C-alpha atoms as a PDB file:
ATOM      1  CA  UNK A   1       0.000   0.000   0.000  1.00  0.00           C
ATOM      2  CA  UNK A   2       1.014   3.649  -0.244  1.00  0.00           C
ATOM      3  CA  UNK A   3       3.906   4.291   2.110  1.00  0.00           C
ATOM      4  CA  UNK A   4       3.641   6.763   5.013  1.00  0.00           C
ATOM      5  CA  UNK A   5      -0.110   7.198   4.481  1.00  0.00           C
ATOM      6  CA  UNK A   6      -2.313   5.642   7.201  1.00  0.00           C
ATOM      7  CA  UNK A   7      -4.754   2.944   6.122  1.00  0.00           C
ATOM      8  CA  UNK A   8      -8.270   2.716   7.538  1.00  0.00           C
ATOM      9  CA  UNK A   9      -9.812  -0.733   7.428  1.00  0.00           C
ATOM     10  CA  UNK A  10     -13.512  -1.337   6.888  1.00  0.00           C
ATOM     11  CA  UNK A  11     -13.515  -4.239   9.365  1.00  0.00           C
ATOM     12  CA  UNK A  12     -12.757  -1.704  12.128  1.00  0.00           C
ATOM     13  CA  UNK A  13     -16.298  -0.359  11.642  1.00  0.00           C
ATOM     14  CA  UNK A  14     -18.285  -3.308  10.259  1.00  0.00           C
ATOM     15  CA  UNK A  15     -18.293  -7.093  10.500  1.00  0.00           C
ATOM     16  CA  UNK A  16     -20.104  -7.479   7.174  1.00  0.00           C
ATOM     17  CA  UNK A  17     -17.529  -6.154   4.652  1.00  0.00           C
ATOM     18  CA  UNK A  18     -19.853  -3.175   4.132  1.00  0.00           C
ATOM     19  CA  UNK A  19     -21.816  -0.563   6.010  1.00  0.00           C
ATOM     20  CA  UNK A  20     -24.477   2.003   5.216  1.00  0.00           C
ATOM     21  CA  UNK A  21     -24.909   5.240   7.173  1.00  0.00           C
ATOM     22  CA  UNK A  22     -27.483   8.032   7.109  1.00  0.00           C
ATOM     23  CA  UNK A  23     -25.661  11.122   8.362  1.00  0.00           C
ATOM     24  CA  UNK A  24     -26.664  14.672   9.214  1.00  0.00           C
ATOM     25  CA  UNK A  25     -24.717  17.596  10.737  1.00  0.00           C
ATOM     26  CA  UNK A  26     -25.534  16.388  14.267  1.00  0.00           C
ATOM     27  CA  UNK A  27     -24.230  12.859  13.726  1.00  0.00           C
ATOM     28  CA  UNK A  28     -21.219  11.844  15.792  1.00  0.00           C
ATOM     29  CA  UNK A  29     -19.726  10.140  12.753  1.00  0.00           C
ATOM     30  CA  UNK A  30     -20.032  13.354  10.724  1.00  0.00           C
ATOM     31  CA  UNK A  31     -17.776  15.184  13.181  1.00  0.00           C
ATOM     32  CA  UNK A  32     -15.192  12.401  12.977  1.00  0.00           C
ATOM     33  CA  UNK A  33     -15.161  12.446   9.183  1.00  0.00           C
ATOM     34  CA  UNK A  34     -14.516  16.179   9.111  1.00  0.00           C
ATOM     35  CA  UNK A  35     -11.400  15.763  11.222  1.00  0.00           C
ATOM     36  CA  UNK A  36      -9.690  12.913   9.388  1.00  0.00           C
ATOM     37  CA  UNK A  37      -6.169  13.645   8.148  1.00  0.00           C
ATOM     38  CA  UNK A  38      -4.805  12.227   4.892  1.00  0.00           C
ATOM     39  CA  UNK A  39      -5.410   8.465   4.730  1.00  0.00           C
ATOM     40  CA  UNK A  40      -6.501   5.706   2.362  1.00  0.00           C
ATOM     41  CA  UNK A  41      -9.252   3.111   2.809  1.00  0.00           C
ATOM     42  CA  UNK A  42      -9.271  -0.550   1.884  1.00  0.00           C
ATOM     43  CA  UNK A  43     -12.860  -0.145   0.639  1.00  0.00           C
ATOM     44  CA  UNK A  44     -15.038   1.911  -1.679  1.00  0.00           C
ATOM     45  CA  UNK A  45     -16.983   4.863  -0.267  1.00  0.00           C
ATOM     46  CA  UNK A  46     -20.070   6.124  -2.099  1.00  0.00           C
ATOM     47  CA  UNK A  47     -21.618   9.369  -0.841  1.00  0.00           C
ATOM     48  CA  UNK A  48     -25.103  10.531  -1.873  1.00  0.00           C
ATOM     49  CA  UNK A  49     -25.952  14.077  -0.754  1.00  0.00           C
ATOM     50  CA  UNK A  50     -29.702  14.419  -0.146  1.00  0.00           C
ATOM     51  CA  UNK A  51     -29.792  17.940   1.285  1.00  0.00           C
ATOM     52  CA  UNK A  52     -27.399  20.883   1.402  1.00  0.00           C
ATOM     53  CA  UNK A  53     -23.797  20.748   0.301  1.00  0.00           C
ATOM     54  CA  UNK A  54     -20.406  19.396   1.364  1.00  0.00           C
ATOM     55  CA  UNK A  55     -16.978  18.518   0.024  1.00  0.00           C
ATOM     56  CA  UNK A  56     -14.064  16.139   0.407  1.00  0.00           C
ATOM     57  CA  UNK A  57     -10.332  16.391  -0.266  1.00  0.00           C
ATOM     58  CA  UNK A  58      -9.514  13.532  -2.646  1.00  0.00           C
ATOM     59  CA  UNK A  59      -6.032  13.025  -4.092  1.00  0.00           C
ATOM     60  CA  UNK A  60      -5.159  16.554  -2.940  1.00  0.00           C
ATOM     61  CA  UNK A  61      -8.109  18.172  -4.745  1.00  0.00           C
ATOM     62  CA  UNK A  62     -11.215  19.568  -3.046  1.00  0.00           C
ATOM     63  CA  UNK A  63     -14.255  17.922  -4.637  1.00  0.00           C
ATOM     64  CA  UNK A  64     -17.560  19.757  -3.932  1.00  0.00           C
ATOM     65  CA  UNK A  65     -20.798  17.810  -3.532  1.00  0.00           C
ATOM     66  CA  UNK A  66     -24.335  19.168  -3.359  1.00  0.00           C
ATOM     67  CA  UNK A  67     -27.909  17.889  -3.251  1.00  0.00           C
ATOM     68  CA  UNK A  68     -28.543  15.129  -5.778  1.00  0.00           C
ATOM     69  CA  UNK A  69     -24.877  14.411  -6.375  1.00  0.00           C
ATOM     70  CA  UNK A  70     -22.943  11.217  -5.889  1.00  0.00           C
ATOM     71  CA  UNK A  71     -19.262  11.122  -4.866  1.00  0.00           C
ATOM     72  CA  UNK A  72     -17.043   8.043  -5.123  1.00  0.00           C
ATOM     73  CA  UNK A  73     -13.772   7.315  -3.320  1.00  0.00           C
ATOM     74  CA  UNK A  74     -11.930   4.155  -4.375  1.00  0.00           C
ATOM     75  CA  UNK A  75      -9.463   2.046  -2.368  1.00  0.00           C
ATOM     76  CA  UNK A  76      -6.037   3.636  -2.520  1.00  0.00           C
ATOM     77  CA  UNK A  77      -7.216   7.202  -3.094  1.00  0.00           C
ATOM     78  CA  UNK A  78      -5.721   9.596  -0.567  1.00  0.00           C
ATOM     79  CA  UNK A  79      -8.488  11.590   1.064  1.00  0.00           C
ATOM     80  CA  UNK A  80      -9.302  13.650   4.125  1.00  0.00           C
ATOM     81  CA  UNK A  81     -11.758  16.161   5.588  1.00  0.00           C
ATOM     82  CA  UNK A  82     -15.119  14.907   4.381  1.00  0.00           C
ATOM     83  CA  UNK A  83     -17.023  18.099   5.206  1.00  0.00           C
ATOM     84  CA  UNK A  84     -20.684  17.318   5.708  1.00  0.00           C
ATOM     85  CA  UNK A  85     -21.731  19.742   8.439  1.00  0.00           C
ATOM     86  CA  UNK A  86     -23.977  21.607   5.999  1.00  0.00           C
ATOM     87  CA  UNK A  87     -25.764  18.619   4.520  1.00  0.00           C
ATOM     88  CA  UNK A  88     -27.532  15.305   4.947  1.00  0.00           C
ATOM     89  CA  UNK A  89     -26.306  12.253   3.091  1.00  0.00           C
ATOM     90  CA  UNK A  90     -26.173   8.521   2.731  1.00  0.00           C
ATOM     91  CA  UNK A  91     -22.736   6.892   2.887  1.00  0.00           C
ATOM     92  CA  UNK A  92     -22.165   3.366   1.601  1.00  0.00           C
ATOM     93  CA  UNK A  93     -18.807   1.716   2.309  1.00  0.00           C
ATOM     94  CA  UNK A  94     -18.107  -1.699   0.849  1.00  0.00           C
ATOM     95  CA  UNK A  95     -15.234  -4.087   0.337  1.00  0.00           C
ATOM     96  CA  UNK A  96     -14.133  -4.945  -3.232  1.00  0.00           C
ATOM     97  CA  UNK A  97     -15.075  -8.556  -2.403  1.00  0.00           C
ATOM     98  CA  UNK A  98     -18.726  -7.533  -2.224  1.00  0.00           C
ATOM     99  CA  UNK A  99     -18.825  -5.969  -5.704  1.00  0.00           C
ATOM    100  CA  UNK A 100     -19.287  -7.681  -9.052  1.00  0.00           C
ATOM    101  CA  UNK A 101     -16.295  -7.020 -11.307  1.00  0.00           C
ATOM    102  CA  UNK A 102     -18.153  -4.965 -13.953  1.00  0.00           C
ATOM    103  CA  UNK A 103     -19.438  -2.586 -11.294  1.00  0.00           C
ATOM    104  CA  UNK A 104     -16.029  -2.377  -9.650  1.00  0.00           C
ATOM    105  CA  UNK A 105     -14.349  -1.313 -12.899  1.00  0.00           C
ATOM    106  CA  UNK A 106     -16.844   1.522 -13.379  1.00  0.00           C
ATOM    107  CA  UNK A 107     -16.360   2.709  -9.803  1.00  0.00           C
ATOM    108  CA  UNK A 108     -12.583   2.664 -10.311  1.00  0.00           C
ATOM    109  CA  UNK A 109     -12.860   4.593 -13.556  1.00  0.00           C
ATOM    110  CA  UNK A 110     -15.140   7.317 -12.273  1.00  0.00           C
ATOM    111  CA  UNK A 111     -13.341   7.725  -8.968  1.00  0.00           C
ATOM    112  CA  UNK A 112     -10.369   9.093 -10.921  1.00  0.00           C
ATOM    113  CA  UNK A 113     -12.291  11.933 -12.613  1.00  0.00           C
ATOM    114  CA  UNK A 114     -12.534  14.193  -9.526  1.00  0.00           C
ATOM    115  CA  UNK A 115     -16.114  14.994 -10.542  1.00  0.00           C
ATOM    116  CA  UNK A 116     -19.343  14.033  -8.740  1.00  0.00           C
ATOM    117  CA  UNK A 117     -22.180  12.271 -10.584  1.00  0.00           C
ATOM    118  CA  UNK A 118     -25.345  14.370 -10.974  1.00  0.00           C
ATOM    119  CA  UNK A 119     -28.541  12.361 -10.426  1.00  0.00           C
ATOM    120  CA  UNK A 120     -32.100  13.155 -11.431  1.00  0.00           C
ATOM    121  CA  UNK A 121     -34.638  13.711  -8.664  1.00  0.00           C
ATOM    122  CA  UNK A 122     -36.375  10.405  -9.483  1.00  0.00           C
ATOM    123  CA  UNK A 123     -33.116   8.450  -9.317  1.00  0.00           C
ATOM    124  CA  UNK A 124     -32.185  10.122  -6.027  1.00  0.00           C
ATOM    125  CA  UNK A 125     -35.523   9.051  -4.508  1.00  0.00           C
ATOM    126  CA  UNK A 126     -35.134   5.457  -5.731  1.00  0.00           C
ATOM    127  CA  UNK A 127     -31.558   5.271  -4.477  1.00  0.00           C
ATOM    128  CA  UNK A 128     -32.496   6.682  -1.065  1.00  0.00           C
ATOM    129  CA  UNK A 129     -35.234   4.063  -0.736  1.00  0.00           C
ATOM    130  CA  UNK A 130     -32.784   1.292  -1.678  1.00  0.00           C
ATOM    131  CA  UNK A 131     -30.227   2.542   0.839  1.00  0.00           C
ATOM    132  CA  UNK A 132     -32.859   2.815   3.555  1.00  0.00           C
ATOM    133  CA  UNK A 133     -33.889  -0.803   2.902  1.00  0.00           C
ATOM    134  CA  UNK A 134     -30.227  -1.805   2.987  1.00  0.00           C
ATOM    135  CA  UNK A 135     -29.835  -0.008   6.325  1.00  0.00           C
ATOM    136  CA  UNK A 136     -32.759  -1.972   7.756  1.00  0.00           C
ATOM    137  CA  UNK A 137     -31.262  -5.186   6.414  1.00  0.00           C
ATOM    138  CA  UNK A 138     -28.016  -4.468   8.268  1.00  0.00           C
ATOM    139  CA  UNK A 139     -29.923  -3.771  11.475  1.00  0.00           C
ATOM    140  CA  UNK A 140     -31.735  -7.113  11.253  1.00  0.00           C
ATOM    141  CA  UNK A 141     -28.641  -9.234  10.537  1.00  0.00           C
ATOM    142  CA  UNK A 142     -27.708 -11.508  13.417  1.00  0.00           C
ATOM    143  CA  UNK A 143     -26.531 -14.546  11.459  1.00  0.00           C
ATOM    144  CA  UNK A 144     -23.499 -13.242   9.633  1.00  0.00           C
ATOM    145  CA  UNK A 145     -22.850 -16.134   7.278  1.00  0.00           C
ATOM    146  CA  UNK A 146     -26.389 -17.053   6.207  1.00  0.00           C
ATOM    147  CA  UNK A 147     -27.203 -13.430   5.348  1.00  0.00           C
ATOM    148  CA  UNK A 148     -24.004 -12.841   3.383  1.00  0.00           C
ATOM    149  CA  UNK A 149     -25.448 -13.786  -0.014  1.00  0.00           C
ATOM    150  CA  UNK A 150     -28.570 -11.670   0.609  1.00  0.00           C
ATOM    151  CA  UNK A 151     -26.399  -8.688   1.491  1.00  0.00           C
ATOM    152  CA  UNK A 152     -24.142  -9.264  -1.534  1.00  0.00           C
ATOM    153  CA  UNK A 153     -27.131  -9.313  -3.879  1.00  0.00           C
ATOM    154  CA  UNK A 154     -28.719  -6.216  -2.351  1.00  0.00           C
ATOM    155  CA  UNK A 155     -25.476  -4.269  -2.514  1.00  0.00           C
ATOM    156  CA  UNK A 156     -25.176  -5.068  -6.194  1.00  0.00           C
ATOM    157  CA  UNK A 157     -28.789  -4.007  -6.779  1.00  0.00           C
ATOM    158  CA  UNK A 158     -27.796  -0.603  -5.364  1.00  0.00           C
ATOM    159  CA  UNK A 159     -24.727  -0.540  -7.615  1.00  0.00           C
ATOM    160  CA  UNK A 160     -26.951  -1.476 -10.545  1.00  0.00           C
ATOM    161  CA  UNK A 161     -28.879   1.745  -9.917  1.00  0.00           C
ATOM    162  CA  UNK A 162     -25.714   3.823  -9.575  1.00  0.00           C
ATOM    163  CA  UNK A 163     -23.434   2.620 -12.371  1.00  0.00           C
ATOM    164  CA  UNK A 164     -25.619   3.548 -15.386  1.00  0.00           C
ATOM    165  CA  UNK A 165     -25.698   7.088 -13.986  1.00  0.00           C
ATOM    166  CA  UNK A 166     -21.901   7.052 -13.800  1.00  0.00           C
ATOM    167  CA  UNK A 167     -21.680   6.174 -17.491  1.00  0.00           C
ATOM    168  CA  UNK A 168     -24.366   8.662 -18.583  1.00  0.00           C
ATOM    169  CA  UNK A 169     -23.183  11.417 -16.249  1.00  0.00           C
ATOM    170  CA  UNK A 170     -19.572  11.403 -17.329  1.00  0.00           C
ATOM    171  CA  UNK A 171     -18.662  14.957 -18.305  1.00  0.00           C
ATOM    172  CA  UNK A 172     -14.887  14.871 -18.582  1.00  0.00           C
ATOM    173  CA  UNK A 173     -12.741  13.311 -21.242  1.00  0.00           C
ATOM    174  CA  UNK A 174     -10.418  10.768 -19.740  1.00  0.00           C
ATOM    175  CA  UNK A 175      -6.734  11.559 -19.437  1.00  0.00           C
ATOM    176  CA  UNK A 176      -4.352   9.051 -20.968  1.00  0.00           C
ATOM    177  CA  UNK A 177      -3.052   8.126 -17.515  1.00  0.00           C
ATOM    178  CA  UNK A 178      -6.600   7.312 -16.405  1.00  0.00           C
ATOM    179  CA  UNK A 179      -7.273   5.350 -19.603  1.00  0.00           C
ATOM    180  CA  UNK A 180      -4.155   3.223 -19.176  1.00  0.00           C
ATOM    181  CA  UNK A 181      -4.788   2.677 -15.470  1.00  0.00           C
ATOM    182  CA  UNK A 182      -8.339   1.482 -16.121  1.00  0.00           C
ATOM    183  CA  UNK A 183      -7.139  -0.881 -18.862  1.00  0.00           C
ATOM    184  CA  UNK A 184      -4.422  -2.241 -16.569  1.00  0.00           C
ATOM    185  CA  UNK A 185      -6.857  -2.886 -13.720  1.00  0.00           C
ATOM    186  CA  UNK A 186      -9.353  -4.540 -16.067  1.00  0.00           C
ATOM    187  CA  UNK A 187      -6.663  -6.971 -17.214  1.00  0.00           C
ATOM    188  CA  UNK A 188      -5.869  -8.190 -13.705  1.00  0.00           C
ATOM    189  CA  UNK A 189      -8.764 -10.653 -13.154  1.00  0.00           C
ATOM    190  CA  UNK A 190      -8.046 -12.280 -16.512  1.00  0.00           C
ATOM    191  CA  UNK A 191      -4.282 -12.692 -16.160  1.00  0.00           C
ATOM    192  CA  UNK A 192      -3.189 -12.273 -12.548  1.00  0.00           C
ATOM    193  CA  UNK A 193      -3.236 -15.972 -11.640  1.00  0.00           C
ATOM    194  CA  UNK A 194      -0.458 -16.598 -14.137  1.00  0.00           C
ATOM    195  CA  UNK A 195       1.098 -13.192 -14.749  1.00  0.00           C
ATOM    196  CA  UNK A 196       2.331 -11.378 -11.651  1.00  0.00           C
ATOM    197  CA  UNK A 197       5.020  -9.149 -13.169  1.00  0.00           C
ATOM    198  CA  UNK A 198       4.185  -5.549 -14.140  1.00  0.00           C
ATOM    199  CA  UNK A 199       6.293  -5.980 -17.288  1.00  0.00           C
ATOM    200  CA  UNK A 200       3.693  -8.369 -18.739  1.00  0.00           C
ATOM    201  CA  UNK A 201       0.921  -5.770 -18.426  1.00  0.00           C
ATOM    202  CA  UNK A 202       3.148  -3.018 -19.793  1.00  0.00           C
ATOM    203  CA  UNK A 203       3.885  -5.165 -22.855  1.00  0.00           C
ATOM    204  CA  UNK A 204       0.182  -5.872 -23.370  1.00  0.00           C
ATOM    205  CA  UNK A 205      -0.511  -2.129 -23.231  1.00  0.00           C
ATOM    206  CA  UNK A 206       2.408  -1.379 -25.573  1.00  0.00           C
ATOM    207  CA  UNK A 207       4.128   0.913 -23.084  1.00  0.00           C
ATOM    208  CA  UNK A 208       7.271   0.644 -20.970  1.00  0.00           C
ATOM    209  CA  UNK A 209       7.168  -0.767 -17.460  1.00  0.00           C
ATOM    210  CA  UNK A 210       8.516   2.547 -16.165  1.00  0.00           C
ATOM    211  CA  UNK A 211       5.640   4.444 -17.795  1.00  0.00           C
ATOM    212  CA  UNK A 212       3.061   1.960 -16.490  1.00  0.00           C
ATOM    213  CA  UNK A 213       4.422   2.441 -12.988  1.00  0.00           C
ATOM    214  CA  UNK A 214       4.291   6.220 -13.420  1.00  0.00           C
ATOM    215  CA  UNK A 215       0.702   6.463 -14.673  1.00  0.00           C
ATOM    216  CA  UNK A 216      -0.773   3.918 -12.248  1.00  0.00           C
ATOM    217  CA  UNK A 217       0.980   5.521  -9.288  1.00  0.00           C
ATOM    218  CA  UNK A 218      -0.177   8.971 -10.403  1.00  0.00           C
ATOM    219  CA  UNK A 219      -3.800   7.864 -10.875  1.00  0.00           C
ATOM    220  CA  UNK A 220      -4.235   5.658  -7.813  1.00  0.00           C
ATOM    221  CA  UNK A 221      -1.430   6.352  -5.344  1.00  0.00           C
ATOM    222  CA  UNK A 222      -0.292   2.718  -5.616  1.00  0.00           C
ATOM    223  CA  UNK A 223       2.125   0.896  -7.884  1.00  0.00           C
ATOM    224  CA  UNK A 224       1.192  -1.835 -10.399  1.00  0.00           C
ATOM    225  CA  UNK A 225       2.860  -4.406  -8.126  1.00  0.00           C
ATOM    226  CA  UNK A 226       0.644  -3.326  -5.241  1.00  0.00           C
ATOM    227  CA  UNK A 227      -2.473  -3.609  -7.426  1.00  0.00           C
ATOM    228  CA  UNK A 228      -1.348  -7.060  -8.575  1.00  0.00           C
ATOM    229  CA  UNK A 229      -1.078  -8.127  -4.922  1.00  0.00           C
ATOM    230  CA  UNK A 230      -4.530  -6.689  -4.221  1.00  0.00           C
ATOM    231  CA  UNK A 231      -6.006  -8.655  -7.142  1.00  0.00           C
ATOM    232  CA  UNK A 232      -4.345 -11.872  -5.946  1.00  0.00           C
ATOM    233  CA  UNK A 233      -5.605 -11.369  -2.396  1.00  0.00           C
ATOM    234  CA  UNK A 234      -9.103 -10.523  -3.587  1.00  0.00           C
ATOM    235  CA  UNK A 235      -9.185 -13.752  -5.608  1.00  0.00           C
ATOM    236  CA  UNK A 236      -7.845 -15.682  -2.620  1.00  0.00           C
ATOM    237  CA  UNK A 237     -10.453 -14.209  -0.255  1.00  0.00           C
ATOM    238  CA  UNK A 238     -13.252 -15.103  -2.633  1.00  0.00           C
ATOM    239  CA  UNK A 239     -12.064 -18.706  -2.850  1.00  0.00           C
ATOM    240  CA  UNK A 240     -11.603 -18.957   0.902  1.00  0.00           C
ATOM    241  CA  UNK A 241     -15.128 -17.620   1.358  1.00  0.00           C
ATOM    242  CA  UNK A 242     -16.953 -19.475  -1.399  1.00  0.00           C
ATOM    243  CA  UNK A 243     -15.151 -22.798  -1.896  1.00  0.00           C
ATOM    244  CA  UNK A 244     -14.013 -25.756   0.199  1.00  0.00           C
ATOM    245  CA  UNK A 245     -10.567 -25.810  -1.422  1.00  0.00           C
ATOM    246  CA  UNK A 246      -7.607 -26.230   0.900  1.00  0.00           C
ATOM    247  CA  UNK A 247      -5.054 -23.438   1.244  1.00  0.00           C
ATOM    248  CA  UNK A 248      -2.612 -25.508  -0.793  1.00  0.00           C
ATOM    249  CA  UNK A 249      -5.181 -25.977  -3.563  1.00  0.00           C
ATOM    250  CA  UNK A 250      -6.032 -22.263  -3.575  1.00  0.00           C
ATOM    251  CA  UNK A 251      -2.348 -21.366  -3.768  1.00  0.00           C
ATOM    252  CA  UNK A 252      -2.026 -23.697  -6.778  1.00  0.00           C
ATOM    253  CA  UNK A 253      -5.106 -22.147  -8.450  1.00  0.00           C
ATOM    254  CA  UNK A 254      -3.525 -18.721  -7.995  1.00  0.00           C
ATOM    255  CA  UNK A 255      -0.297 -19.806  -9.655  1.00  0.00           C
ATOM    256  CA  UNK A 256       1.892 -20.273  -6.569  1.00  0.00           C
ATOM    257  CA  UNK A 257       4.093 -23.349  -6.572  1.00  0.00           C
ATOM    258  CA  UNK A 258       5.015 -22.771  -2.921  1.00  0.00           C
ATOM    259  CA  UNK A 259       1.835 -22.635  -0.815  1.00  0.00           C
ATOM    260  CA  UNK A 260       3.864 -21.571   2.225  1.00  0.00           C
ATOM    261  CA  UNK A 261       4.992 -18.469   0.334  1.00  0.00           C
ATOM    262  CA  UNK A 262       1.363 -17.744  -0.569  1.00  0.00           C
ATOM    263  CA  UNK A 263       0.365 -18.041   3.099  1.00  0.00           C
ATOM    264  CA  UNK A 264       3.131 -15.631   4.130  1.00  0.00           C
ATOM    265  CA  UNK A 265       2.049 -13.144   1.454  1.00  0.00           C
ATOM    266  CA  UNK A 266      -1.568 -13.402   2.601  1.00  0.00           C
ATOM    267  CA  UNK A 267      -0.692 -12.829   6.254  1.00  0.00           C
ATOM    268  CA  UNK A 268       1.665  -9.950   5.465  1.00  0.00           C
ATOM    269  CA  UNK A 269      -1.150  -8.102   3.710  1.00  0.00           C
ATOM    270  CA  UNK A 270      -4.133  -9.059   5.886  1.00  0.00           C
ATOM    271  CA  UNK A 271      -2.590  -9.760   9.315  1.00  0.00           C
ATOM    272  CA  UNK A 272      -4.275 -13.188   9.173  1.00  0.00           C
ATOM    273  CA  UNK A 273      -3.322 -16.555   7.764  1.00  0.00           C
ATOM    274  CA  UNK A 274      -5.668 -17.913   5.062  1.00  0.00           C
ATOM    275  CA  UNK A 275      -7.184 -20.336   7.569  1.00  0.00           C
ATOM    276  CA  UNK A 276      -7.683 -17.587  10.146  1.00  0.00           C
ATOM    277  CA  UNK A 277      -9.461 -15.516   7.491  1.00  0.00           C
ATOM    278  CA  UNK A 278     -11.713 -18.445   6.526  1.00  0.00           C
ATOM    279  CA  UNK A 279     -12.554 -19.213  10.144  1.00  0.00           C
ATOM    280  CA  UNK A 280     -13.319 -15.541  10.840  1.00  0.00           C
ATOM    281  CA  UNK A 281     -15.845 -15.226   8.013  1.00  0.00           C
ATOM    282  CA  UNK A 282     -17.524 -18.516   8.952  1.00  0.00           C
ATOM    283  CA  UNK A 283     -18.066 -17.567  12.587  1.00  0.00           C
END
């Protein structure tokens, strides 16, 4: 991850790899958000302003948000000072594991434009109703594992409402660095099990490895190698969650000849062994 920048982990606030919050100027969480120094999250944050106006500092730019607008912060983006003392909003935070790949790519792409998505009044109402239902679903969840698939599906229903608006609401032409970064990240699920060197992706994109490193770092705050590790770990977490494969078998599926090395890599990046992670999500 980005060096010298603190990382905030979603599991510090939620046991469900996601959380939904309805915030107003009097909310305790709103005051905390306004005081955060530069940091990065390991999750996506989607902010829907329903009344008033606010702003956030994202990748060293102040991004304004007002009523009917949607802001997106992706994992790895440096951000601080989410100023919401003059507005009401819904905030949805969710782990990459909980997002279908097509939706995740669109969130990644738009998060790099520094521009909020403008929603119609009808879409805002529908989205607020979906988020309110999602909030009630969270409040009723007492069996973490059995409700996981329900939560996953509902989260992706919400994203299904949001992502067409991202595509239709795009107002800026994409910079070449953004274009290349999006293409690189879209290649990872297809190739990462067998291609773990940045040079492979640079060759596929017909650019030098040095240039790939430069544009990805500039766009996301992380290097291609760090994104490759994230993709590997995301794949590993999904298999640990959804299959009965052993750690050795998962390591083999991910292209690691040495399963002990895979386990060390997993623990270094998650602070848990693969088995500890599996046991935690099955509790």
